[in-house]
Protein backbone atom coordinates (compact mmCIF):
# COMPACT_ATOMS: atom_id res chain seq x y z
CA MET A 1 239.57 381.63 121.35
CA ASN A 2 235.83 381.12 121.89
CA LEU A 3 232.99 382.25 119.60
CA GLU A 4 232.38 385.48 121.52
CA GLU A 5 236.04 386.44 121.12
CA VAL A 6 235.91 385.55 117.42
CA ARG A 7 232.77 387.69 117.01
CA ALA A 8 234.57 390.61 118.67
CA LEU A 9 237.21 390.54 115.89
CA VAL A 10 234.62 392.07 113.54
CA THR A 11 234.09 395.60 114.77
CA VAL A 12 230.65 396.00 113.24
CA PRO A 13 227.44 396.26 115.29
CA ASN A 14 225.31 393.10 115.27
CA LYS A 15 222.68 394.82 113.13
CA GLY A 16 225.27 395.41 110.41
CA LEU A 17 226.82 391.93 110.32
CA VAL A 18 224.67 390.83 107.37
CA PRO A 19 223.35 392.98 104.51
CA ALA A 20 219.85 394.40 104.83
CA PRO A 21 217.35 392.70 102.49
CA GLU A 22 217.06 395.79 100.29
CA LEU A 23 220.80 395.63 99.47
CA PHE A 24 220.45 392.35 97.56
CA TRP A 25 219.99 392.76 93.81
CA HIS A 26 217.75 389.68 93.74
CA SER A 27 215.17 389.07 96.46
CA SER A 28 215.68 385.47 97.53
CA LEU A 29 214.77 383.15 100.37
CA LEU A 30 217.53 380.81 99.22
CA HIS A 31 220.46 383.24 98.87
CA GLY A 32 219.28 386.20 100.93
CA GLN A 33 219.89 387.60 104.38
CA ALA A 34 219.21 384.36 106.30
CA HIS A 35 221.66 382.48 104.06
CA VAL A 36 224.38 385.06 104.66
CA ALA A 37 223.75 384.78 108.42
CA ARG A 38 224.15 380.98 108.25
CA VAL A 39 227.38 381.31 106.26
CA LEU A 40 228.65 383.84 108.82
CA VAL A 41 228.03 381.37 111.66
CA HIS A 42 230.13 378.82 109.76
CA ALA A 43 232.84 381.45 109.23
CA PHE A 44 232.94 382.22 112.96
CA ARG A 45 233.17 378.50 113.76
CA LEU A 46 235.95 377.97 111.22
CA VAL A 47 238.02 380.79 112.69
CA GLU A 48 237.38 379.44 116.19
CA ALA A 49 238.50 375.95 115.10
CA THR A 50 241.52 377.00 113.03
CA GLY A 51 242.84 379.88 115.09
CA PHE A 52 243.22 382.08 111.99
CA ASN A 53 242.03 385.12 113.96
CA HIS A 54 243.81 387.59 111.68
CA GLU A 55 241.59 386.44 108.78
CA MET A 56 238.24 387.16 110.45
CA PRO A 57 237.71 390.75 109.19
CA ARG A 58 238.51 389.73 105.61
CA LEU A 59 236.41 386.58 105.90
CA TRP A 60 233.49 388.62 107.23
CA ALA A 61 233.72 390.94 104.22
CA ALA A 62 233.70 387.96 101.83
CA VAL A 63 230.67 386.44 103.58
CA TYR A 64 228.85 389.79 103.55
CA LEU A 65 229.38 390.30 99.83
CA HIS A 66 229.30 386.78 98.42
CA ASP A 67 225.64 386.74 97.24
CA ILE A 68 224.69 390.42 97.38
CA ALA A 69 224.95 390.90 93.60
CA ARG A 70 223.34 387.56 92.68
CA ARG A 71 220.72 388.10 89.96
CA HIS A 72 218.98 384.70 90.20
CA ASP A 73 218.96 381.48 92.19
CA GLY A 74 219.79 379.25 89.23
CA ARG A 75 222.99 377.34 88.74
CA SER A 76 225.86 378.69 86.70
CA ALA A 77 226.78 376.79 83.55
CA GLY A 78 229.36 374.21 84.52
CA ALA A 79 229.03 374.82 88.26
CA SER A 80 228.70 371.13 89.06
CA ARG A 81 231.73 370.28 86.90
CA ARG A 82 234.13 372.53 88.78
CA PRO A 83 236.41 370.52 91.06
CA ARG A 84 236.24 371.25 94.77
CA PRO A 85 239.57 371.78 96.50
CA ASN A 86 240.76 368.80 98.49
CA LEU A 87 241.39 370.51 101.81
CA HIS A 88 241.99 367.23 103.58
CA ALA A 89 245.02 366.57 101.40
CA ALA A 90 246.10 370.21 101.38
CA SER A 91 246.10 370.44 105.16
CA ARG A 92 248.51 367.47 105.47
CA GLY A 93 247.23 366.61 108.93
CA ALA A 94 246.58 370.15 110.18
CA ARG A 95 243.78 370.31 112.74
CA ASP A 96 241.61 372.43 110.44
CA GLY A 97 241.48 369.89 107.59
CA PRO A 98 238.39 367.97 108.77
CA VAL A 99 236.55 371.17 109.71
CA CYS A 100 237.20 372.78 106.32
CA GLY A 101 236.32 369.57 104.53
CA ALA A 102 233.05 369.31 106.40
CA ALA A 103 232.26 372.93 105.58
CA LEU A 104 232.79 372.29 101.86
CA SER A 105 230.83 369.06 101.73
CA GLY A 106 227.07 368.76 101.76
CA ASP A 107 224.63 371.57 101.25
CA GLY A 108 225.30 373.76 104.29
CA ARG A 109 222.24 372.69 106.24
CA GLN A 110 224.26 370.71 108.77
CA ASP A 111 226.95 372.16 110.98
CA PRO A 112 230.39 370.62 110.62
CA ALA A 113 231.61 368.82 113.73
CA VAL A 114 234.03 371.14 115.47
CA THR A 115 236.12 369.67 118.24
């Protein structure tokens, strides 16, 4: 499945794919509309790479909502101490392990290598 086919799994017009700026509780350049759009691109690429097509509508909803109620751009207490899931080990050689691992590592400014 290519990216256009993955995009078609979300039956929302392009204009409605990400929340309008006025829907965010906190106006932010860091966690606002552009951030949600970047996360959505990663979500589309993950579905394309993994083949989990049935998850795209639910994943879209999670991406849409994930920062909409954020009240500030600060860090949560203990955020850096929370362990990240080890998707490489969890995948046990599945083809999506490296893609998911790349998506969880770093700061989101670089695209994971999808092959």
